PDB file of N, CA and C in Angstrom:
ATOM      1  N   SER A   1      82.682  75.480 104.520  1.00  0.00           N
ATOM      2  CA  SER A   1      82.520  76.548 103.392  1.00  0.00           C
ATOM      3  C   SER A   1      83.128  77.946 104.149  1.00  0.00           C
ATOM      4  N   THR A   2      83.944  78.858 103.321  1.00  0.00           N
ATOM      5  CA  THR A   2      84.641  80.168 103.730  1.00  0.00           C
ATOM      6  C   THR A   2      83.257  81.148 104.201  1.00  0.00           C
ATOM      7  N   GLY A   3      82.424  80.571 103.329  1.00  0.00           N
ATOM      8  CA  GLY A   3      81.523  82.041 103.394  1.00  0.00           C
ATOM      9  C   GLY A   3      82.172  83.303 102.342  1.00  0.00           C
ATOM     10  N   LEU A   4      82.728  82.599 101.537  1.00  0.00           N
ATOM     11  CA  LEU A   4      83.321  83.556 100.446  1.00  0.00           C
ATOM     12  C   LEU A   4      82.923  83.438  99.080  1.00  0.00           C
ATOM     13  N   VAL A   5      82.475  84.623  98.309  1.00  0.00           N
ATOM     14  CA  VAL A   5      82.263  84.297  97.085  1.00  0.00           C
ATOM     15  C   VAL A   5      83.653  84.147  95.961  1.00  0.00           C
ATOM     16  N   SER A   6      83.796  83.287  95.283  1.00  0.00           N
ATOM     17  CA  SER A   6      85.362  83.706  94.444  1.00  0.00           C
ATOM     18  C   SER A   6      84.620  84.232  93.265  1.00  0.00           C
ATOM     19  N   LEU A   7      85.626  84.983  92.902  1.00  0.00           N
ATOM     20  CA  LEU A   7      85.446  85.395  91.524  1.00  0.00           C
ATOM     21  C   LEU A   7      86.562  85.159  90.884  1.00  0.00           C
ATOM     22  N   ASN A   8      86.042  84.124  89.620  1.00  0.00           N
ATOM     23  CA  ASN A   8      86.462  83.675  88.825  1.00  0.00           C
ATOM     24  C   ASN A   8      86.974  84.347  87.241  1.00  0.00           C
ATOM     25  N   ASP A   9      88.361  84.560  86.963  1.00  0.00           N
ATOM     26  CA  ASP A   9      88.387  84.930  85.305  1.00  0.00           C
ATOM     27  C   ASP A   9      87.719  83.979  84.461  1.00  0.00           C
ATOM     28  N   GLU A  10      87.848  84.461  82.990  1.00  0.00           N
ATOM     29  CA  GLU A  10      86.912  83.805  82.128  1.00  0.00           C
ATOM     30  C   GLU A  10      87.244  82.170  81.680  1.00  0.00           C
ATOM     31  N   GLU A  11      88.470  81.775  82.036  1.00  0.00           N
ATOM     32  CA  GLU A  11      88.950  80.497  82.194  1.00  0.00           C
ATOM     33  C   GLU A  11      88.714  79.528  83.313  1.00  0.00           C
ATOM     34  N   GLY A  12      87.941  80.323  84.129  1.00  0.00           N
ATOM     35  CA  GLY A  12      87.427  79.651  85.514  1.00  0.00           C
ATOM     36  C   GLY A  12      88.506  79.557  86.625  1.00  0.00           C
ATOM     37  N   ASN A  13      89.624  80.248  86.083  1.00  0.00           N
ATOM     38  CA  ASN A  13      90.585  80.150  87.278  1.00  0.00           C
ATOM     39  C   ASN A  13      90.502  80.473  88.296  1.00  0.00           C
ATOM     40  N   GLY A  14      90.813  80.442  89.628  1.00  0.00           N
ATOM     41  CA  GLY A  14      90.136  81.101  90.954  1.00  0.00           C
ATOM     42  C   GLY A  14      91.224  82.691  90.758  1.00  0.00           C
ATOM     43  N   GLY A  15      90.314  83.584  91.497  1.00  0.00           N
ATOM     44  CA  GLY A  15      90.539  84.720  91.509  1.00  0.00           C
ATOM     45  C   GLY A  15      90.341  85.389  92.627  1.00  0.00           C
ATOM     46  N   HIS A  16      89.896  86.656  93.096  1.00  0.00           N
ATOM     47  CA  HIS A  16      89.874  87.395  94.382  1.00  0.00           C
ATOM     48  C   HIS A  16      88.261  87.058  94.989  1.00  0.00           C
ATOM     49  N   GLN A  17      88.450  86.507  96.452  1.00  0.00           N
ATOM     50  CA  GLN A  17      87.328  86.581  96.972  1.00  0.00           C
ATOM     51  C   GLN A  17      86.594  87.325  97.597  1.00  0.00           C
ATOM     52  N   ILE A  18      85.178  87.460  97.735  1.00  0.00           N
ATOM     53  CA  ILE A  18      84.513  89.190  98.362  1.00  0.00           C
ATOM     54  C   ILE A  18      83.549  88.006  99.334  1.00  0.00           C
ATOM     55  N   PRO A  19      83.356  88.818 100.410  1.00  0.00           N
ATOM     56  CA  PRO A  19      82.119  88.407 101.272  1.00  0.00           C
ATOM     57  C   PRO A  19      80.850  88.326 100.512  1.00  0.00           C
ATOM     58  N   PRO A  20      80.188  87.698 100.491  1.00  0.00           N
ATOM     59  CA  PRO A  20      78.908  87.946 100.055  1.00  0.00           C
ATOM     60  C   PRO A  20      77.801  88.960 100.754  1.00  0.00           C
ATOM     61  N   GLN A  21      77.159  89.469  99.942  1.00  0.00           N
ATOM     62  CA  GLN A  21      76.154  91.034 100.287  1.00  0.00           C
ATOM     63  C   GLN A  21      75.268  90.226 101.537  1.00  0.00           C
ATOM     64  N   GLY A  22      75.124  90.954 102.864  1.00  0.00           N
ATOM     65  CA  GLY A  22      73.984  90.228 103.530  1.00  0.00           C
ATOM     66  C   GLY A  22      72.525  90.652 103.102  1.00  0.00           C
ATOM     67  N   ASP A  23      71.546  89.987 104.059  1.00  0.00           N
ATOM     68  CA  ASP A  23      70.255  90.580 103.415  1.00  0.00           C
ATOM     69  C   ASP A  23      69.906  91.836 104.449  1.00  0.00           C
ATOM     70  N   ASN A  24      69.481  92.646 103.642  1.00  0.00           N
ATOM     71  CA  ASN A  24      69.240  94.117 104.160  1.00  0.00           C
ATOM     72  C   ASN A  24      68.317  93.828 105.509  1.00  0.00           C
ATOM     73  N   ASP A  25      67.536  93.177 105.846  1.00  0.00           N
ATOM     74  CA  ASP A  25      66.375  93.118 106.687  1.00  0.00           C
ATOM     75  C   ASP A  25      66.955  91.775 107.607  1.00  0.00           C
ATOM     76  N   SER A  26      68.831  91.475 107.732  1.00  0.00           N
ATOM     77  CA  SER A  26      68.840  90.152 108.492  1.00  0.00           C
ATOM     78  C   SER A  26      69.346  91.161 109.864  1.00  0.00           C
ATOM     79  N   GLU A  27      69.146  90.324 110.800  1.00  0.00           N
ATOM     80  CA  GLU A  27      69.451  90.676 112.392  1.00  0.00           C
ATOM     81  C   GLU A  27      71.009  90.562 112.495  1.00  0.00           C
ATOM     82  N   ASP A  28      71.716  90.202 111.191  1.00  0.00           N
ATOM     83  CA  ASP A  28      73.153  90.024 112.239  1.00  0.00           C
ATOM     84  C   ASP A  28      73.889  90.995 112.028  1.00  0.00           C
ATOM     85  N   GLY A  29      73.359  92.471 111.613  1.00  0.00           N
ATOM     86  CA  GLY A  29      74.583  93.574 111.402  1.00  0.00           C
ATOM     87  C   GLY A  29      74.511  94.189 110.107  1.00  0.00           C
ATOM     88  N   ASN A  30      73.912  93.313 109.209  1.00  0.00           N
ATOM     89  CA  ASN A  30      74.298  93.475 107.565  1.00  0.00           C
ATOM     90  C   ASN A  30      72.884  94.709 107.492  1.00  0.00           C
ATOM     91  N   GLY A  31      73.243  95.343 106.780  1.00  0.00           N
ATOM     92  CA  GLY A  31      71.935  96.152 106.521  1.00  0.00           C
ATOM     93  C   GLY A  31      72.627  97.045 105.251  1.00  0.00           C
ATOM     94  N   PRO A  32      71.371  98.453 105.170  1.00  0.00           N
ATOM     95  CA  PRO A  32      71.857  99.185 104.346  1.00  0.00           C
ATOM     96  C   PRO A  32      73.088  99.981 104.270  1.00  0.00           C
ATOM     97  N   GLN A  33      73.252 100.227 105.713  1.00  0.00           N
ATOM     98  CA  GLN A  33      74.628 100.850 105.973  1.00  0.00           C
ATOM     99  C   GLN A  33      75.751 100.002 106.096  1.00  0.00           C
ATOM    100  N   SER A  34      75.774  98.880 106.241  1.00  0.00           N
ATOM    101  CA  SER A  34      76.971  98.044 106.325  1.00  0.00           C
ATOM    102  C   SER A  34      77.042  97.524 104.741  1.00  0.00           C
ATOM    103  N   ASP A  35      76.400  97.940 104.034  1.00  0.00           N
ATOM    104  CA  ASP A  35      76.064  97.341 102.225  1.00  0.00           C
ATOM    105  C   ASP A  35      77.003  98.449 101.825  1.00  0.00           C
ATOM    106  N   ARG A  36      76.249  99.668 102.335  1.00  0.00           N
ATOM    107  CA  ARG A  36      77.371 100.666 101.728  1.00  0.00           C
ATOM    108  C   ARG A  36      78.554 100.859 101.740  1.00  0.00           C
ATOM    109  N   LEU A  37      78.619 100.482 102.828  1.00  0.00           N
ATOM    110  CA  LEU A  37      80.345 100.741 103.741  1.00  0.00           C
ATOM    111  C   LEU A  37      81.149  99.652 103.014  1.00  0.00           C
ATOM    112  N   ALA A  38      80.527  98.143 102.668  1.00  0.00           N
ATOM    113  CA  ALA A  38      81.162  97.354 102.476  1.00  0.00           C
ATOM    114  C   ALA A  38      81.301  97.550 100.947  1.00  0.00           C
ATOM    115  N   LEU A  39      80.519  97.890 100.278  1.00  0.00           N
ATOM    116  CA  LEU A  39      80.631  98.376  98.376  1.00  0.00           C
ATOM    117  C   LEU A  39      81.876  99.717  98.366  1.00  0.00           C
ATOM    118  N   PHE A  40      81.530 100.664  99.370  1.00  0.00           N
ATOM    119  CA  PHE A  40      82.574 101.488  99.253  1.00  0.00           C
ATOM    120  C   PHE A  40      84.408 101.162  99.589  1.00  0.00           C
ATOM    121  N   SER A  41      84.442 100.107 100.564  1.00  0.00           N
ATOM    122  CA  SER A  41      85.505  99.772 100.721  1.00  0.00           C
ATOM    123  C   SER A  41      85.920  98.923  99.511  1.00  0.00           C
ATOM    124  N   THR A  42      85.226  98.014  98.758  1.00  0.00           N
ATOM    125  CA  THR A  42      85.295  97.241  97.960  1.00  0.00           C
ATOM    126  C   THR A  42      85.541  98.208  96.762  1.00  0.00           C
ATOM    127  N   LEU A  43      85.492  99.224  96.523  1.00  0.00           N
ATOM    128  CA  LEU A  43      85.637 100.078  95.388  1.00  0.00           C
ATOM    129  C   LEU A  43      86.813 100.836  95.557  1.00  0.00           C
ATOM    130  N   VAL A  44      87.449 101.177  96.985  1.00  0.00           N
ATOM    131  CA  VAL A  44      88.748 101.862  97.300  1.00  0.00           C
ATOM    132  C   VAL A  44      89.526 101.034  97.187  1.00  0.00           C
ATOM    133  N   ALA A  45      89.437  99.498  97.574  1.00  0.00           N
ATOM    134  CA  ALA A  45      90.325  98.683  97.467  1.00  0.00           C
ATOM    135  C   ALA A  45      90.645  98.458  95.941  1.00  0.00           C
ATOM    136  N   ALA A  46      89.710  98.412  95.033  1.00  0.00           N
ATOM    137  CA  ALA A  46      89.822  98.340  94.127  1.00  0.00           C
ATOM    138  C   ALA A  46      90.927  98.960  92.988  1.00  0.00           C
ATOM    139  N   ILE A  47      90.453 100.107  93.439  1.00  0.00           N
ATOM    140  CA  ILE A  47      91.401 101.212  92.484  1.00  0.00           C
ATOM    141  C   ILE A  47      92.439 101.638  92.752  1.00  0.00           C
ATOM    142  N   VAL A  48      92.727 101.278  94.528  1.00  0.00           N
ATOM    143  CA  VAL A  48      93.994 101.475  95.087  1.00  0.00           C
ATOM    144  C   VAL A  48      94.873 100.017  95.061  1.00  0.00           C
ATOM    145  N   HIS A  49      94.497  99.004  94.467  1.00  0.00           N
ATOM    146  CA  HIS A  49      95.077  97.987  94.745  1.00  0.00           C
ATOM    147  C   HIS A  49      96.383  97.370  93.938  1.00  0.00           C
ATOM    148  N   ASP A  50      96.356  98.186  93.076  1.00  0.00           N
ATOM    149  CA  ASP A  50      97.560  98.483  92.069  1.00  0.00           C
ATOM    150  C   ASP A  50      98.703  99.495  91.933  1.00  0.00           C
ATOM    151  N   ILE A  51      98.038 100.503  92.477  1.00  0.00           N
ATOM    152  CA  ILE A  51      98.211 101.804  92.033  1.00  0.00           C
ATOM    153  C   ILE A  51      99.574 102.217  92.282  1.00  0.00           C
ATOM    154  N   GLY A  52     100.061 102.472  91.164  1.00  0.00           N
ATOM    155  CA  GLY A  52     101.740 102.976  91.089  1.00  0.00           C
ATOM    156  C   GLY A  52     102.608 101.735  90.853  1.00  0.00           C
ATOM    157  N   HIS A  53     101.953 100.405  90.189  1.00  0.00           N
ATOM    158  CA  HIS A  53     102.457  99.495  90.219  1.00  0.00           C
ATOM    159  C   HIS A  53     103.738  99.449  88.901  1.00  0.00           C
ATOM    160  N   PRO A  54     105.237  99.166  89.495  1.00  0.00           N
ATOM    161  CA  PRO A  54     105.737  98.999  88.113  1.00  0.00           C
ATOM    162  C   PRO A  54     106.244  98.635  87.070  1.00  0.00           C
ATOM    163  N   GLY A  55     105.303  97.011  87.310  1.00  0.00           N
ATOM    164  CA  GLY A  55     105.172  96.414  86.276  1.00  0.00           C
ATOM    165  C   GLY A  55     106.226  94.961  86.517  1.00  0.00           C
ATOM    166  N   PHE A  56     106.706  95.225  87.581  1.00  0.00           N
ATOM    167  CA  PHE A  56     107.873  93.844  88.505  1.00  0.00           C
ATOM    168  C   PHE A  56     107.322  93.404  89.517  1.00  0.00           C
ATOM    169  N   ASN A  57     107.780  92.261  89.865  1.00  0.00           N
ATOM    170  CA  ASN A  57     106.541  91.327  91.054  1.00  0.00           C
ATOM    171  C   ASN A  57     107.773  91.766  91.894  1.00  0.00           C
ATOM    172  N   ASN A  58     107.024  91.401  92.964  1.00  0.00           N
ATOM    173  CA  ASN A  58     108.248  91.609  94.180  1.00  0.00           C
ATOM    174  C   ASN A  58     109.526  90.667  94.236  1.00  0.00           C
ATOM    175  N   SER A  59     109.210  90.077  93.862  1.00  0.00           N
ATOM    176  CA  SER A  59     110.473  88.727  93.912  1.00  0.00           C
ATOM    177  C   SER A  59     111.800  89.855  92.977  1.00  0.00           C
ATOM    178  N   TYR A  60     111.447  90.561  92.203  1.00  0.00           N
ATOM    179  CA  TYR A  60     112.093  90.877  90.754  1.00  0.00           C
ATOM    180  C   TYR A  60     112.530  92.224  91.559  1.00  0.00           C
ATOM    181  N   GLN A  61     111.819  93.068  92.285  1.00  0.00           N
ATOM    182  CA  GLN A  61     111.880  94.204  93.404  1.00  0.00           C
ATOM    183  C   GLN A  61     113.439  93.837  94.405  1.00  0.00           C
ATOM    184  N   VAL A  62     112.935  92.764  94.929  1.00  0.00           N
ATOM    185  CA  VAL A  62     114.511  92.576  95.907  1.00  0.00           C
ATOM    186  C   VAL A  62     115.103  92.232  95.343  1.00  0.00           C
ATOM    187  N   ASN A  63     115.662  91.025  94.931  1.00  0.00           N
ATOM    188  CA  ASN A  63     116.789  90.764  93.997  1.00  0.00           C
ATOM    189  C   ASN A  63     117.451  91.739  93.176  1.00  0.00           C
ATOM    190  N   ALA A  64     116.684  92.937  92.519  1.00  0.00           N
ATOM    191  CA  ALA A  64     117.485  93.596  91.785  1.00  0.00           C
ATOM    192  C   ALA A  64     117.672  95.031  92.555  1.00  0.00           C
ATOM    193  N   ARG A  65     117.065  94.594  93.835  1.00  0.00           N
ATOM    194  CA  ARG A  65     117.380  95.560  94.988  1.00  0.00           C
ATOM    195  C   ARG A  65     117.311  97.068  94.622  1.00  0.00           C
ATOM    196  N   THR A  66     115.924  97.047  93.871  1.00  0.00           N
ATOM    197  CA  THR A  66     115.159  98.660  93.480  1.00  0.00           C
ATOM    198  C   THR A  66     115.148  99.467  95.055  1.00  0.00           C
ATOM    199  N   ASN A  67     115.157 100.536  94.368  1.00  0.00           N
ATOM    200  CA  ASN A  67     114.692 101.639  95.787  1.00  0.00           C
ATOM    201  C   ASN A  67     113.648 101.036  96.318  1.00  0.00           C
ATOM    202  N   LEU A  68     112.349 100.914  95.893  1.00  0.00           N
ATOM    203  CA  LEU A  68     111.511 100.216  96.761  1.00  0.00           C
ATOM    204  C   LEU A  68     111.873  99.170  97.401  1.00  0.00           C
ATOM    205  N   ALA A  69     112.421  98.015  97.377  1.00  0.00           N
ATOM    206  CA  ALA A  69     112.496  96.971  97.955  1.00  0.00           C
ATOM    207  C   ALA A  69     113.504  97.643  99.053  1.00  0.00           C
ATOM    208  N   ILE A  70     114.264  98.690  98.884  1.00  0.00           N
ATOM    209  CA  ILE A  70     115.312  99.078 100.052  1.00  0.00           C
ATOM    210  C   ILE A  70     114.381  99.983 101.369  1.00  0.00           C
ATOM    211  N   THR A  71     113.195 100.932 100.557  1.00  0.00           N
ATOM    212  CA  THR A  71     112.397 101.659 101.236  1.00  0.00           C
ATOM    213  C   THR A  71     111.901 100.846 102.220  1.00  0.00           C
ATOM    214  N   TYR A  72     111.109  99.473 101.418  1.00  0.00           N
ATOM    215  CA  TYR A  72     110.187  99.082 102.083  1.00  0.00           C
ATOM    216  C   TYR A  72     110.807  97.169 103.126  1.00  0.00           C
ATOM    217  N   ASN A  73     112.375  97.526 103.076  1.00  0.00           N
ATOM    218  CA  ASN A  73     112.985  96.569 103.868  1.00  0.00           C
ATOM    219  C   ASN A  73     112.667  94.932 102.973  1.00  0.00           C
ATOM    220  N   ASP A  74     112.672  95.008 101.890  1.00  0.00           N
ATOM    221  CA  ASP A  74     112.198  93.287 101.442  1.00  0.00           C
ATOM    222  C   ASP A  74     110.734  92.895 101.694  1.00  0.00           C
ATOM    223  N   ASN A  75     110.014  93.812 102.456  1.00  0.00           N
ATOM    224  CA  ASN A  75     109.197  93.085 102.890  1.00  0.00           C
ATOM    225  C   ASN A  75     107.643  93.636 102.309  1.00  0.00           C
ATOM    226  N   SER A  76     107.050  92.554 101.479  1.00  0.00           N
ATOM    227  CA  SER A  76     105.880  92.861 100.746  1.00  0.00           C
ATOM    228  C   SER A  76     106.121  94.233 100.333  1.00  0.00           C
ATOM    229  N   VAL A  77     107.366  94.476  99.379  1.00  0.00           N
ATOM    230  CA  VAL A  77     107.422  95.467  98.530  1.00  0.00           C
ATOM    231  C   VAL A  77     105.646  96.284  98.278  1.00  0.00           C
ATOM    232  N   LEU A  78     105.555  95.375  97.214  1.00  0.00           N
ATOM    233  CA  LEU A  78     104.762  96.377  96.054  1.00  0.00           C
ATOM    234  C   LEU A  78     103.378  96.429  97.301  1.00  0.00           C
ATOM    235  N   GLU A  79     103.341  95.672  97.932  1.00  0.00           N
ATOM    236  CA  GLU A  79     101.873  95.830  98.832  1.00  0.00           C
ATOM    237  C   GLU A  79     102.066  97.158  99.388  1.00  0.00           C
ATOM    238  N   ASN A  80     103.070  97.454 100.247  1.00  0.00           N
ATOM    239  CA  ASN A  80     103.346  98.313 101.360  1.00  0.00           C
ATOM    240  C   ASN A  80     103.621  99.541 100.268  1.00  0.00           C
ATOM    241  N   MET A  81     103.935  99.745  99.260  1.00  0.00           N
ATOM    242  CA  MET A  81     103.905 101.170  98.194  1.00  0.00           C
ATOM    243  C   MET A  81     102.475 101.349  97.753  1.00  0.00           C
ATOM    244  N   HIS A  82     101.442 100.181  97.402  1.00  0.00           N
ATOM    245  CA  HIS A  82     100.284 100.844  97.525  1.00  0.00           C
ATOM    246  C   HIS A  82      99.543 101.309  98.383  1.00  0.00           C
ATOM    247  N   ALA A  83      99.787 100.659  99.221  1.00  0.00           N
ATOM    248  CA  ALA A  83      99.042 101.245 100.634  1.00  0.00           C
ATOM    249  C   ALA A  83      99.855 102.947 100.709  1.00  0.00           C
ATOM    250  N   SER A  84     100.927 102.394 101.330  1.00  0.00           N
ATOM    251  CA  SER A  84     101.468 104.266 100.974  1.00  0.00           C
ATOM    252  C   SER A  84     101.263 105.208 100.243  1.00  0.00           C
ATOM    253  N   LYS A  85     101.255 104.801  99.045  1.00  0.00           N
ATOM    254  CA  LYS A  85     100.528 105.957  97.784  1.00  0.00           C
ATOM    255  C   LYS A  85      98.828 106.175  98.284  1.00  0.00           C
ATOM    256  N   ALA A  86      98.090 105.079  98.377  1.00  0.00           N
ATOM    257  CA  ALA A  86      96.661 105.234  98.781  1.00  0.00           C
ATOM    258  C   ALA A  86      96.430 106.163  99.853  1.00  0.00           C
ATOM    259  N   PHE A  87      97.081 105.739 101.340  1.00  0.00           N
ATOM    260  CA  PHE A  87      97.237 106.766 101.986  1.00  0.00           C
ATOM    261  C   PHE A  87      97.527 108.109 101.724  1.00  0.00           C
ATOM    262  N   SER A  88      98.564 108.132 101.316  1.00  0.00           N
ATOM    263  CA  SER A  88      99.245 109.535 100.713  1.00  0.00           C
ATOM    264  C   SER A  88      97.847 110.530  99.866  1.00  0.00           C
ATOM    265  N   MET A  89      97.484 109.995  98.917  1.00  0.00           N
ATOM    266  CA  MET A  89      96.635 110.599  98.269  1.00  0.00           C
ATOM    267  C   MET A  89      95.558 111.008  99.152  1.00  0.00           C
ATOM    268  N   LEU A  90      95.097 110.093  99.895  1.00  0.00           N
ATOM    269  CA  LEU A  90      93.697 110.467 100.671  1.00  0.00           C
ATOM    270  C   LEU A  90      93.796 111.601 101.689  1.00  0.00           C
ATOM    271  N   PHE A  91      95.082 111.592 101.903  1.00  0.00           N
ATOM    272  CA  PHE A  91      95.045 112.688 103.157  1.00  0.00           C
ATOM    273  C   PHE A  91      95.729 113.687 102.592  1.00  0.00           C
ATOM    274  N   GLN A  92      95.554 113.699 101.186  1.00  0.00           N
ATOM    275  CA  GLN A  92      96.036 115.110 100.721  1.00  0.00           C
ATOM    276  C   GLN A  92      94.611 115.822 100.818  1.00  0.00           C
ATOM    277  N   HIS A  93      93.523 115.666 101.091  1.00  0.00           N
ATOM    278  CA  HIS A  93      92.327 116.018 101.104  1.00  0.00           C
ATOM    279  C   HIS A  93      92.048 116.179 102.629  1.00  0.00           C
ATOM    280  N   GLU A  94      91.918 117.212 102.846  1.00  0.00           N
ATOM    281  CA  GLU A  94      91.683 117.809 104.316  1.00  0.00           C
ATOM    282  C   GLU A  94      90.730 117.099 105.161  1.00  0.00           C
ATOM    283  N   SER A  95      89.227 117.020 104.434  1.00  0.00           N
ATOM    284  CA  SER A  95      87.786 116.433 104.636  1.00  0.00           C
ATOM    285  C   SER A  95      88.199 115.119 104.995  1.00  0.00           C
ATOM    286  N   VAL A  96      89.137 114.468 104.208  1.00  0.00           N
ATOM    287  CA  VAL A  96      89.234 112.666 103.966  1.00  0.00           C
ATOM    288  C   VAL A  96      90.070 112.222 105.618  1.00  0.00           C
ATOM    289  N   ALA A  97      91.142 113.330 105.536  1.00  0.00           N
ATOM    290  CA  ALA A  97      92.040 113.081 106.464  1.00  0.00           C
ATOM    291  C   ALA A  97      91.038 113.150 108.075  1.00  0.00           C
ATOM    292  N   ALA A  98      90.043 114.456 108.320  1.00  0.00           N
ATOM    293  CA  ALA A  98      89.648 114.763 109.185  1.00  0.00           C
ATOM    294  C   ALA A  98      88.717 113.950 109.567  1.00  0.00           C
ATOM    295  N   THR A  99      88.120 113.194 108.699  1.00  0.00           N
ATOM    296  CA  THR A  99      87.097 112.279 109.003  1.00  0.00           C
ATOM    297  C   THR A  99      87.282 110.792 109.412  1.00  0.00           C
ATOM    298  N   ILE A 100      89.014 110.257 108.629  1.00  0.00           N
ATOM    299  CA  ILE A 100      89.562 109.308 108.934  1.00  0.00           C
ATOM    300  C   ILE A 100      90.245 109.460 110.778  1.00  0.00           C
ATOM    301  N   ALA A 101      90.790 110.597 110.912  1.00  0.00           N
ATOM    302  CA  ALA A 101      90.929 111.014 112.394  1.00  0.00           C
ATOM    303  C   ALA A 101      89.623 110.952 113.398  1.00  0.00           C
ATOM    304  N   ALA A 102      88.873 111.245 112.791  1.00  0.00           N
ATOM    305  CA  ALA A 102      88.057 111.412 113.948  1.00  0.00           C
ATOM    306  C   ALA A 102      86.808 110.149 113.997  1.00  0.00           C
ATOM    307  N   SER A 103      86.994 109.089 113.171  1.00  0.00           N
ATOM    308  CA  SER A 103      86.325 108.035 113.427  1.00  0.00           C
ATOM    309  C   SER A 103      87.380 107.317 113.939  1.00  0.00           C
ATOM    310  N   GLN A 104      88.728 107.525 113.972  1.00  0.00           N
ATOM    311  CA  GLN A 104      89.570 106.400 114.923  1.00  0.00           C
ATOM    312  C   GLN A 104      89.924 107.116 116.201  1.00  0.00           C
ATOM    313  N   ASP A 105      89.915 105.923 116.993  1.00  0.00           N
ATOM    314  CA  ASP A 105      90.546 106.395 118.575  1.00  0.00           C
ATOM    315  C   ASP A 105      91.711 106.376 119.040  1.00  0.00           C
ATOM    316  N   ASN A 106      92.176 107.299 118.760  1.00  0.00           N
ATOM    317  CA  ASN A 106      93.771 107.586 118.792  1.00  0.00           C
ATOM    318  C   ASN A 106      94.148 106.518 120.226  1.00  0.00           C
ATOM    319  N   ASN A 107      93.668 105.939 120.913  1.00  0.00           N
ATOM    320  CA  ASN A 107      94.369 105.091 121.934  1.00  0.00           C
ATOM    321  C   ASN A 107      94.250 103.578 120.916  1.00  0.00           C
ATOM    322  N   ASP A 108      93.294 103.356 120.114  1.00  0.00           N
ATOM    323  CA  ASP A 108      93.019 101.968 119.109  1.00  0.00           C
ATOM    324  C   ASP A 108      94.424 102.419 118.393  1.00  0.00           C
ATOM    325  N   TYR A 109      94.507 103.282 117.781  1.00  0.00           N
ATOM    326  CA  TYR A 109      95.276 103.828 116.466  1.00  0.00           C
ATOM    327  C   TYR A 109      97.118 103.019 116.894  1.00  0.00           C
ATOM    328  N   ASN A 110      97.099 103.842 118.314  1.00  0.00           N
ATOM    329  CA  ASN A 110      98.015 104.006 118.810  1.00  0.00           C
ATOM    330  C   ASN A 110      98.521 102.540 119.117  1.00  0.00           C
ATOM    331  N   ASN A 111      97.950 101.643 119.535  1.00  0.00           N
ATOM    332  CA  ASN A 111      97.778 100.327 119.897  1.00  0.00           C
ATOM    333  C   ASN A 111      98.406  99.610 118.626  1.00  0.00           C
ATOM    334  N   ASN A 112      97.666  99.831 118.012  1.00  0.00           N
ATOM    335  CA  ASN A 112      97.681  99.057 116.573  1.00  0.00           C
ATOM    336  C   ASN A 112      98.954  99.209 115.837  1.00  0.00           C
ATOM    337  N   ALA A 113      99.575 100.466 115.998  1.00  0.00           N
ATOM    338  CA  ALA A 113     100.899 100.292 115.291  1.00  0.00           C
ATOM    339  C   ALA A 113     102.042  99.829 116.516  1.00  0.00           C
ATOM    340  N   SER A 114     101.654 100.454 117.772  1.00  0.00           N
ATOM    341  CA  SER A 114     102.452  99.495 118.474  1.00  0.00           C
ATOM    342  C   SER A 114     102.955  98.034 118.240  1.00  0.00           C
ATOM    343  N   ASN A 115     101.493  97.628 117.891  1.00  0.00           N
ATOM    344  CA  ASN A 115     101.898  95.831 117.660  1.00  0.00           C
ATOM    345  C   ASN A 115     102.285  95.322 116.720  1.00  0.00           C
ATOM    346  N   GLU A 116     102.162  96.382 115.600  1.00  0.00           N
ATOM    347  CA  GLU A 116     102.924  95.928 114.314  1.00  0.00           C
ATOM    348  C   GLU A 116     104.281  95.882 114.170  1.00  0.00           C
ATOM    349  N   LYS A 117     105.216  96.252 115.486  1.00  0.00           N
ATOM    350  CA  LYS A 117     106.319  96.628 115.554  1.00  0.00           C
ATOM    351  C   LYS A 117     106.812  95.195 116.569  1.00  0.00           C
TER     352      LYS A 117
END
């Protein structure tokens, strides 16, 4: 078992998977704080996962040589666009940007960014 809960559509076809919520009294690190963070993260992901979707899939974007495909170098075109739009919107709000920056160790951020190149 993967420990994931499958969310099926009405016909029972496989859908998205989410980790099960932990017992608030457990000793495995799950508790009210991590439950709130998990819920917040899930809500943000649900809101932004298709933000700005143009109605055509990645294959179409690449084959039609759209500006999006060119911008994201034919790699996970829509996923990169969704993430870019989400972060752009988040960072428009100074308090959100400050909170994210304060919680992120600059060394970790720089190491993660350089590892992706």
